[in-house]
């Protein structure tokens, strides 16, 4: 018996590799209770409703996600557009891009307004029958924009729409396709990894824009999702979605475009990352008649452990600085974008140090010395999670 889970037509005559596992692409979904999606994703959900009002069509987010199937090259999986699931098999694998977070903030900096947009999601391969996640890859995209006047809702909606559908690596749907290209079947006895906890000190939170300071849980989710996205991309590991903000009681809920409500068992990873953003720093390092050079620093505590046995592999403070050049005489500087670069740089350099030994950055960034024995133990452990 076949169950239809997307509006597109199943293609006939599709050649399947005998060794590849069939996965049907179900499209785009919002995480959590669908009734509250308009409140949690105000811009994306309105764009979604506008597409529905126009009759969907080839440019809807679900159609764009499903349309990736033919271009994805993966010897382990055969991704089928149109998503019809054979429930007579032992497993019925589906893939979906589920949106887990939307953050939009506009702040005034003297003569201009700076807008920050961040979209976060998960690329999931899950078993429709057992309602369990088989592979997961967090995705995250961001944009900064400056205008002399406050941006209209239409302009911001255009940013959100662009971040979803743009074809390069800065598009959420493009990142979904990249994750599926890199997905590998789970090995027997494979362990799971998750960013379990994310915290932020009052000192660090004070450097975020006012609208984001009012919602610290959203900031925590953004920090966790961004770390998970970098780890998945740089290390090639499957990351369980975190529970921060879009899962309740170990259950991750979503609604597919077909109207099907899905509840996936999430739970806690066999191995977990816990992080805390402690503070930021801004130091002037050079100045000329026309500009000043600053180093923007991010300081974090990062732990990697096995919670069941309370075994710690990595426990250290980390710091990272990124350079920015500002025009001379600029009174109202927008430090938030530079601090975000410092966080992203810390995540990327840490992931690269995890993938291979010999990181010069890590020798100066870690509070624990020598740090390499901890990293070596973590590398060995993470190999069991690929």
Protein backbone atom coordinates (compact mmCIF):
# COMPACT_ATOMS: atom_id res chain seq x y z
CA UNK A 1 0.00 0.00 0.00
CA UNK A 2 1.27 3.47 -0.83
CA UNK A 3 0.68 6.57 1.25
CA UNK A 4 0.98 9.96 -0.46
CA UNK A 5 2.85 12.57 1.58
CA UNK A 6 3.48 15.39 -0.93
CA UNK A 7 1.65 17.07 -3.76
CA UNK A 8 4.15 16.44 -6.54
CA UNK A 9 3.66 13.50 -8.92
CA UNK A 10 5.77 10.38 -8.44
CA UNK A 11 8.08 9.97 -11.39
CA UNK A 12 7.81 6.68 -13.23
CA UNK A 13 10.65 4.77 -14.82
CA UNK A 14 13.19 6.11 -12.30
CA UNK A 15 16.32 3.99 -12.38
CA UNK A 16 17.29 2.89 -8.90
CA UNK A 17 20.68 1.65 -7.90
CA UNK A 18 20.48 -1.86 -6.50
CA UNK A 19 22.73 -0.89 -3.61
CA UNK A 20 21.08 2.45 -2.82
CA UNK A 21 18.41 2.90 -0.16
CA UNK A 22 15.31 4.68 -1.42
CA UNK A 23 14.38 7.89 0.38
CA UNK A 24 11.34 9.94 -0.63
CA UNK A 25 11.62 13.72 -0.22
CA UNK A 26 8.56 15.09 1.53
CA UNK A 27 9.34 18.79 1.17
CA UNK A 28 9.38 21.67 3.64
CA UNK A 29 7.89 21.73 7.14
CA UNK A 30 7.62 23.93 10.23
CA UNK A 31 8.70 22.43 13.53
CA UNK A 32 6.45 22.37 16.55
CA UNK A 33 2.70 22.91 16.88
CA UNK A 34 1.39 24.08 13.51
CA UNK A 35 -1.20 26.31 15.21
CA UNK A 36 1.58 28.47 16.67
CA UNK A 37 3.76 28.54 13.55
CA UNK A 38 2.57 32.04 12.57
CA UNK A 39 3.78 33.38 15.91
CA UNK A 40 7.11 31.51 15.91
CA UNK A 41 7.95 32.06 12.22
CA UNK A 42 6.09 35.30 11.36
CA UNK A 43 7.86 36.07 8.07
CA UNK A 44 8.40 32.54 6.75
CA UNK A 45 4.89 31.41 7.64
CA UNK A 46 3.29 34.44 5.92
CA UNK A 47 5.35 33.72 2.80
CA UNK A 48 4.18 30.12 3.02
CA UNK A 49 0.51 31.17 3.33
CA UNK A 50 0.89 33.61 0.44
CA UNK A 51 2.21 30.77 -1.72
CA UNK A 52 -0.81 28.65 -0.72
CA UNK A 53 -3.17 31.48 -1.64
CA UNK A 54 -1.59 31.65 -5.09
CA UNK A 55 -2.05 27.92 -5.52
CA UNK A 56 1.46 26.81 -4.57
CA UNK A 57 3.22 26.12 -7.83
CA UNK A 58 6.76 25.24 -8.80
CA UNK A 59 8.25 28.01 -6.65
CA UNK A 60 6.75 26.94 -3.32
CA UNK A 61 9.30 25.96 -0.68
CA UNK A 62 8.16 22.33 -0.67
CA UNK A 63 8.36 22.09 -4.46
CA UNK A 64 11.87 23.60 -4.39
CA UNK A 65 12.95 21.10 -1.73
CA UNK A 66 11.43 18.15 -3.60
CA UNK A 67 12.94 19.44 -6.83
CA UNK A 68 16.43 18.89 -5.42
CA UNK A 69 15.99 15.11 -5.64
CA UNK A 70 17.14 14.69 -9.22
CA UNK A 71 20.33 16.70 -8.70
CA UNK A 72 21.52 14.95 -5.52
CA UNK A 73 24.31 12.46 -6.18
CA UNK A 74 24.75 9.96 -3.37
CA UNK A 75 25.75 6.33 -3.89
CA UNK A 76 24.16 5.26 -0.60
CA UNK A 77 20.72 6.84 -1.07
CA UNK A 78 18.34 7.22 -4.01
CA UNK A 79 16.25 10.33 -3.38
CA UNK A 80 12.86 10.23 -5.07
CA UNK A 81 10.82 13.35 -5.84
CA UNK A 82 7.13 13.34 -5.17
CA UNK A 83 7.44 11.26 -2.03
CA UNK A 84 5.31 8.15 -2.07
CA UNK A 85 6.22 5.81 0.79
CA UNK A 86 5.91 2.04 0.59
CA UNK A 87 4.60 0.99 3.98
CA UNK A 88 5.02 -2.70 3.21
CA UNK A 89 8.80 -2.44 3.60
CA UNK A 90 10.69 -2.89 6.85
CA UNK A 91 11.45 0.81 6.77
CA UNK A 92 9.88 3.76 4.95
CA UNK A 93 12.52 6.46 4.77
CA UNK A 94 11.60 10.07 4.15
CA UNK A 95 13.57 13.31 4.06
CA UNK A 96 12.33 16.76 5.00
CA UNK A 97 13.72 20.26 5.53
CA UNK A 98 12.17 21.37 8.82
CA UNK A 99 12.45 25.00 9.88
CA UNK A 100 13.29 25.25 13.58
CA UNK A 101 14.09 28.93 14.10
CA UNK A 102 13.54 32.40 12.61
CA UNK A 103 15.25 35.43 14.18
CA UNK A 104 14.76 38.94 12.76
CA UNK A 105 16.03 42.09 14.45
CA UNK A 106 16.42 45.73 13.37
CA UNK A 107 18.45 48.23 15.40
CA UNK A 108 19.23 51.94 14.90
CA UNK A 109 22.90 52.93 14.82
CA UNK A 110 22.82 56.69 14.41
CA UNK A 111 22.52 57.36 10.70
CA UNK A 112 21.43 53.88 9.62
CA UNK A 113 19.37 50.85 10.57
CA UNK A 114 20.98 47.42 10.73
CA UNK A 115 18.83 44.35 10.12
CA UNK A 116 19.86 40.85 11.14
CA UNK A 117 18.03 37.79 9.78
CA UNK A 118 18.83 34.22 10.82
CA UNK A 119 17.01 31.06 9.70
CA UNK A 120 17.74 27.67 11.24
CA UNK A 121 16.57 24.20 10.36
CA UNK A 122 17.33 20.50 10.21
CA UNK A 123 17.81 18.23 7.21
CA UNK A 124 16.20 15.00 8.39
CA UNK A 125 16.11 11.46 7.06
CA UNK A 126 13.62 9.59 9.20
CA UNK A 127 11.75 6.31 9.27
CA UNK A 128 8.07 7.08 8.76
CA UNK A 129 7.01 3.76 10.30
CA UNK A 130 9.01 3.86 13.54
CA UNK A 131 8.98 7.69 13.75
CA UNK A 132 12.72 7.72 14.45
CA UNK A 133 15.48 9.89 13.01
CA UNK A 134 18.00 8.02 10.85
CA UNK A 135 20.27 10.93 9.86
CA UNK A 136 20.19 14.61 10.76
CA UNK A 137 22.16 17.65 9.63
CA UNK A 138 21.51 21.13 11.11
CA UNK A 139 21.47 24.04 8.66
CA UNK A 140 21.74 27.76 9.41
CA UNK A 141 21.90 30.91 7.26
CA UNK A 142 22.22 34.58 8.20
CA UNK A 143 22.14 38.02 6.61
CA UNK A 144 23.02 41.58 7.68
CA UNK A 145 21.63 44.64 5.89
CA UNK A 146 21.99 48.40 6.46
CA UNK A 147 19.53 51.07 5.30
CA UNK A 148 19.13 54.82 6.05
CA UNK A 149 15.46 54.25 6.93
CA UNK A 150 13.77 51.48 8.94
CA UNK A 151 13.20 48.55 6.55
CA UNK A 152 9.63 47.74 5.58
CA UNK A 153 8.08 44.36 6.35
CA UNK A 154 8.13 43.68 2.63
CA UNK A 155 11.90 44.26 2.47
CA UNK A 156 12.52 41.93 5.42
CA UNK A 157 10.19 39.31 3.90
CA UNK A 158 12.29 39.55 0.75
CA UNK A 159 15.43 38.80 2.79
CA UNK A 160 13.78 35.76 4.38
CA UNK A 161 12.56 34.48 1.03
CA UNK A 162 16.03 34.96 -0.49
CA UNK A 163 17.75 33.10 2.35
CA UNK A 164 15.43 30.15 1.80
CA UNK A 165 15.59 29.82 -1.97
CA UNK A 166 18.93 31.29 -3.11
CA UNK A 167 20.94 28.66 -5.04
CA UNK A 168 24.37 29.20 -3.47
CA UNK A 169 25.76 27.92 -0.16
CA UNK A 170 24.03 30.75 1.71
CA UNK A 171 20.59 29.37 0.90
CA UNK A 172 18.78 27.08 3.35
CA UNK A 173 17.38 24.79 0.64
CA UNK A 174 20.82 24.57 -0.99
CA UNK A 175 22.30 23.55 2.35
CA UNK A 176 19.57 20.89 2.63
CA UNK A 177 20.74 19.41 -0.69
CA UNK A 178 24.39 19.54 0.38
CA UNK A 179 23.55 17.64 3.57
CA UNK A 180 21.79 14.90 1.60
CA UNK A 181 24.74 14.61 -0.78
CA UNK A 182 27.02 13.96 2.20
CA UNK A 183 24.65 11.65 4.11
CA UNK A 184 25.89 8.13 4.83
CA UNK A 185 23.92 5.16 6.15
CA UNK A 186 24.27 4.67 9.90
CA UNK A 187 26.65 1.88 10.82
CA UNK A 188 25.62 -0.95 13.12
CA UNK A 189 26.00 0.27 16.67
CA UNK A 190 26.50 3.88 15.54
CA UNK A 191 26.32 6.42 18.34
CA UNK A 192 24.46 9.72 18.19
CA UNK A 193 25.74 13.26 18.80
CA UNK A 194 23.80 16.31 19.90
CA UNK A 195 24.31 19.88 21.08
CA UNK A 196 22.45 19.36 24.33
CA UNK A 197 22.76 22.61 26.25
CA UNK A 198 23.41 26.22 25.33
CA UNK A 199 23.77 29.01 27.87
CA UNK A 200 24.74 32.67 27.81
CA UNK A 201 25.95 34.91 30.61
CA UNK A 202 24.17 38.21 31.37
CA UNK A 203 27.38 40.03 30.37
CA UNK A 204 27.41 38.43 26.91
CA UNK A 205 23.64 38.75 26.43
CA UNK A 206 23.94 42.50 27.06
CA UNK A 207 25.88 42.83 23.77
CA UNK A 208 22.99 41.46 21.70
CA UNK A 209 20.35 43.78 20.20
CA UNK A 210 17.53 44.75 22.56
CA UNK A 211 14.86 42.64 20.84
CA UNK A 212 17.04 39.55 21.15
CA UNK A 213 17.91 40.28 24.79
CA UNK A 214 14.20 40.03 25.52
CA UNK A 215 14.19 36.42 24.24
CA UNK A 216 17.29 34.67 25.66
CA UNK A 217 15.92 31.21 24.76
CA UNK A 218 16.00 32.20 21.07
CA UNK A 219 19.62 33.32 21.47
CA UNK A 220 20.48 30.01 23.14
CA UNK A 221 18.84 28.09 20.29
CA UNK A 222 20.71 30.17 17.70
CA UNK A 223 24.05 29.44 19.41
CA UNK A 224 23.30 25.70 19.61
CA UNK A 225 21.96 25.39 16.06
CA UNK A 226 24.95 27.25 14.62
CA UNK A 227 27.43 24.97 16.42
CA UNK A 228 25.54 21.87 15.25
CA UNK A 229 25.52 23.14 11.66
CA UNK A 230 29.29 23.74 11.66
CA UNK A 231 30.09 20.38 13.28
CA UNK A 232 27.92 18.48 10.80
CA UNK A 233 29.43 20.30 7.81
CA UNK A 234 33.09 20.14 8.87
CA UNK A 235 33.17 16.69 10.49
CA UNK A 236 30.65 14.80 8.36
CA UNK A 237 28.71 13.52 11.37
CA UNK A 238 24.97 13.24 11.85
CA UNK A 239 23.79 15.61 14.59
CA UNK A 240 20.55 14.96 16.42
CA UNK A 241 18.38 18.09 16.56
CA UNK A 242 18.64 19.82 19.91
CA UNK A 243 15.69 20.17 22.25
CA UNK A 244 16.08 23.93 22.65
CA UNK A 245 12.90 25.70 21.61
CA UNK A 246 11.43 23.20 19.13
CA UNK A 247 11.07 19.86 20.92
CA UNK A 248 9.04 18.98 23.99
CA UNK A 249 9.56 15.89 26.11
CA UNK A 250 11.91 14.30 23.62
CA UNK A 251 9.38 14.62 20.78
CA UNK A 252 9.98 16.76 17.69
CA UNK A 253 6.72 17.69 15.95
CA UNK A 254 6.17 19.01 12.43
CA UNK A 255 3.50 19.23 9.74
CA UNK A 256 4.23 18.35 6.13
CA UNK A 257 2.76 20.29 3.21
CA UNK A 258 0.40 17.35 2.63
CA UNK A 259 -1.16 18.06 6.01
CA UNK A 260 0.37 15.02 7.73
CA UNK A 261 1.46 15.67 11.32
CA UNK A 262 4.72 13.91 12.20
CA UNK A 263 6.05 13.32 15.70
CA UNK A 264 9.63 12.04 15.83
CA UNK A 265 11.30 10.50 18.86
CA UNK A 266 14.30 12.66 19.65
CA UNK A 267 15.80 11.89 23.04
CA UNK A 268 19.34 12.73 24.09
CA UNK A 269 22.50 11.97 22.16
CA UNK A 270 24.92 9.25 23.25
CA UNK A 271 27.53 12.00 23.18
CA UNK A 272 26.72 15.67 23.72
CA UNK A 273 28.21 19.11 23.41
CA UNK A 274 27.38 21.70 26.07
CA UNK A 275 28.37 25.33 25.55
CA UNK A 276 28.22 28.65 27.32
CA UNK A 277 28.96 32.04 25.80
CA UNK A 278 30.75 33.87 28.62
CA UNK A 279 31.64 37.30 27.22
CA UNK A 280 32.73 39.43 24.29
CA UNK A 281 35.68 41.80 24.01
CA UNK A 282 36.59 44.66 21.66
CA UNK A 283 40.21 45.83 21.49
CA UNK A 284 41.64 48.57 19.27
CA UNK A 285 44.90 47.38 17.70
CA UNK A 286 45.70 50.13 15.15
CA UNK A 287 44.52 53.56 14.05
CA UNK A 288 45.15 55.88 11.10
CA UNK A 289 43.62 59.15 9.91
CA UNK A 290 40.97 57.25 7.96
CA UNK A 291 40.28 54.08 9.97
CA UNK A 292 40.70 52.12 13.18
CA UNK A 293 41.35 48.40 13.45
CA UNK A 294 39.68 46.35 16.17
CA UNK A 295 39.81 42.74 17.27
CA UNK A 296 36.42 41.41 18.33
CA UNK A 297 36.65 38.44 20.68
CA UNK A 298 34.22 35.71 21.77
CA UNK A 299 34.88 33.67 24.93
CA UNK A 300 33.13 30.33 25.50
CA UNK A 301 33.13 27.28 27.72
CA UNK A 302 32.77 24.09 25.74
CA UNK A 303 32.31 20.53 26.96
CA UNK A 304 32.02 17.25 25.07
CA UNK A 305 30.91 14.28 27.16
CA UNK A 306 29.08 10.99 27.44
CA UNK A 307 26.16 11.75 29.79
CA UNK A 308 25.22 8.17 30.69
CA UNK A 309 28.64 7.38 32.13
CA UNK A 310 29.44 10.98 33.04
CA UNK A 311 32.65 10.71 31.00
CA UNK A 312 34.19 14.00 29.89
CA UNK A 313 36.31 14.13 26.73
CA UNK A 314 36.70 17.90 26.30
CA UNK A 315 36.28 20.49 29.04
CA UNK A 316 37.89 23.84 28.31
CA UNK A 317 37.36 27.55 27.79
CA UNK A 318 37.95 28.77 24.23
CA UNK A 319 38.52 32.22 22.80
CA UNK A 320 38.59 33.56 19.27
CA UNK A 321 39.23 36.98 17.79
CA UNK A 322 38.30 38.37 14.39
CA UNK A 323 39.62 41.64 12.92
CA UNK A 324 37.39 44.45 11.68
CA UNK A 325 38.35 47.84 10.21
CA UNK A 326 36.02 50.76 11.02
CA UNK A 327 35.99 54.24 9.43
CA UNK A 328 37.61 56.97 11.54
CA UNK A 329 35.13 59.04 13.53
CA UNK A 330 32.34 56.42 13.42
CA UNK A 331 30.51 57.07 16.67
CA UNK A 332 27.76 54.46 16.53
CA UNK A 333 29.48 51.21 15.63
CA UNK A 334 27.51 48.04 15.08
CA UNK A 335 29.50 45.53 17.12
CA UNK A 336 26.94 42.73 16.92
CA UNK A 337 27.86 41.62 13.38
CA UNK A 338 31.56 41.47 14.33
CA UNK A 339 30.79 39.47 17.47
CA UNK A 340 28.82 37.01 15.34
CA UNK A 341 31.89 36.62 13.12
CA UNK A 342 33.94 35.86 16.24
CA UNK A 343 31.48 33.14 17.32
CA UNK A 344 31.34 31.61 13.86
CA UNK A 345 35.11 31.69 13.64
CA UNK A 346 35.42 29.93 17.00
CA UNK A 347 33.03 27.18 15.91
CA UNK A 348 34.77 26.68 12.56
CA UNK A 349 38.30 26.62 13.98
CA UNK A 350 37.25 24.26 16.77
CA UNK A 351 35.60 21.87 14.28
CA UNK A 352 38.70 21.95 12.07
CA UNK A 353 40.88 21.18 15.10
CA UNK A 354 38.60 18.22 15.85
CA UNK A 355 38.97 16.89 12.32
CA UNK A 356 42.77 16.89 12.38
CA UNK A 357 45.53 17.48 14.96
CA UNK A 358 48.09 20.26 14.89
CA UNK A 359 45.88 23.36 15.17
CA UNK A 360 48.01 26.38 16.08
CA UNK A 361 44.85 28.32 16.87
CA UNK A 362 43.81 25.76 19.49
CA UNK A 363 47.14 26.00 21.33
CA UNK A 364 46.47 29.66 22.06
CA UNK A 365 42.68 29.51 22.27
CA UNK A 366 42.20 26.76 24.87
CA UNK A 367 42.49 27.40 28.61
CA UNK A 368 43.53 23.77 29.24
CA UNK A 369 47.08 22.89 28.23
CA UNK A 370 47.99 20.58 26.75
CA UNK A 371 44.62 20.35 25.02
CA UNK A 372 45.62 17.80 22.37
CA UNK A 373 45.05 14.69 24.59
CA UNK A 374 41.43 15.79 25.06
CA UNK A 375 41.01 16.43 21.34
CA UNK A 376 42.53 13.05 20.45
CA UNK A 377 40.05 11.26 22.74
CA UNK A 378 37.18 13.23 21.20
CA UNK A 379 38.31 12.37 17.64
CA UNK A 380 38.36 8.66 18.44
CA UNK A 381 34.90 8.90 19.97
CA UNK A 382 33.41 10.91 17.09
CA UNK A 383 34.63 8.30 14.59
CA UNK A 384 32.04 5.93 16.09
CA UNK A 385 29.33 8.45 15.19
CA UNK A 386 29.90 8.62 11.43
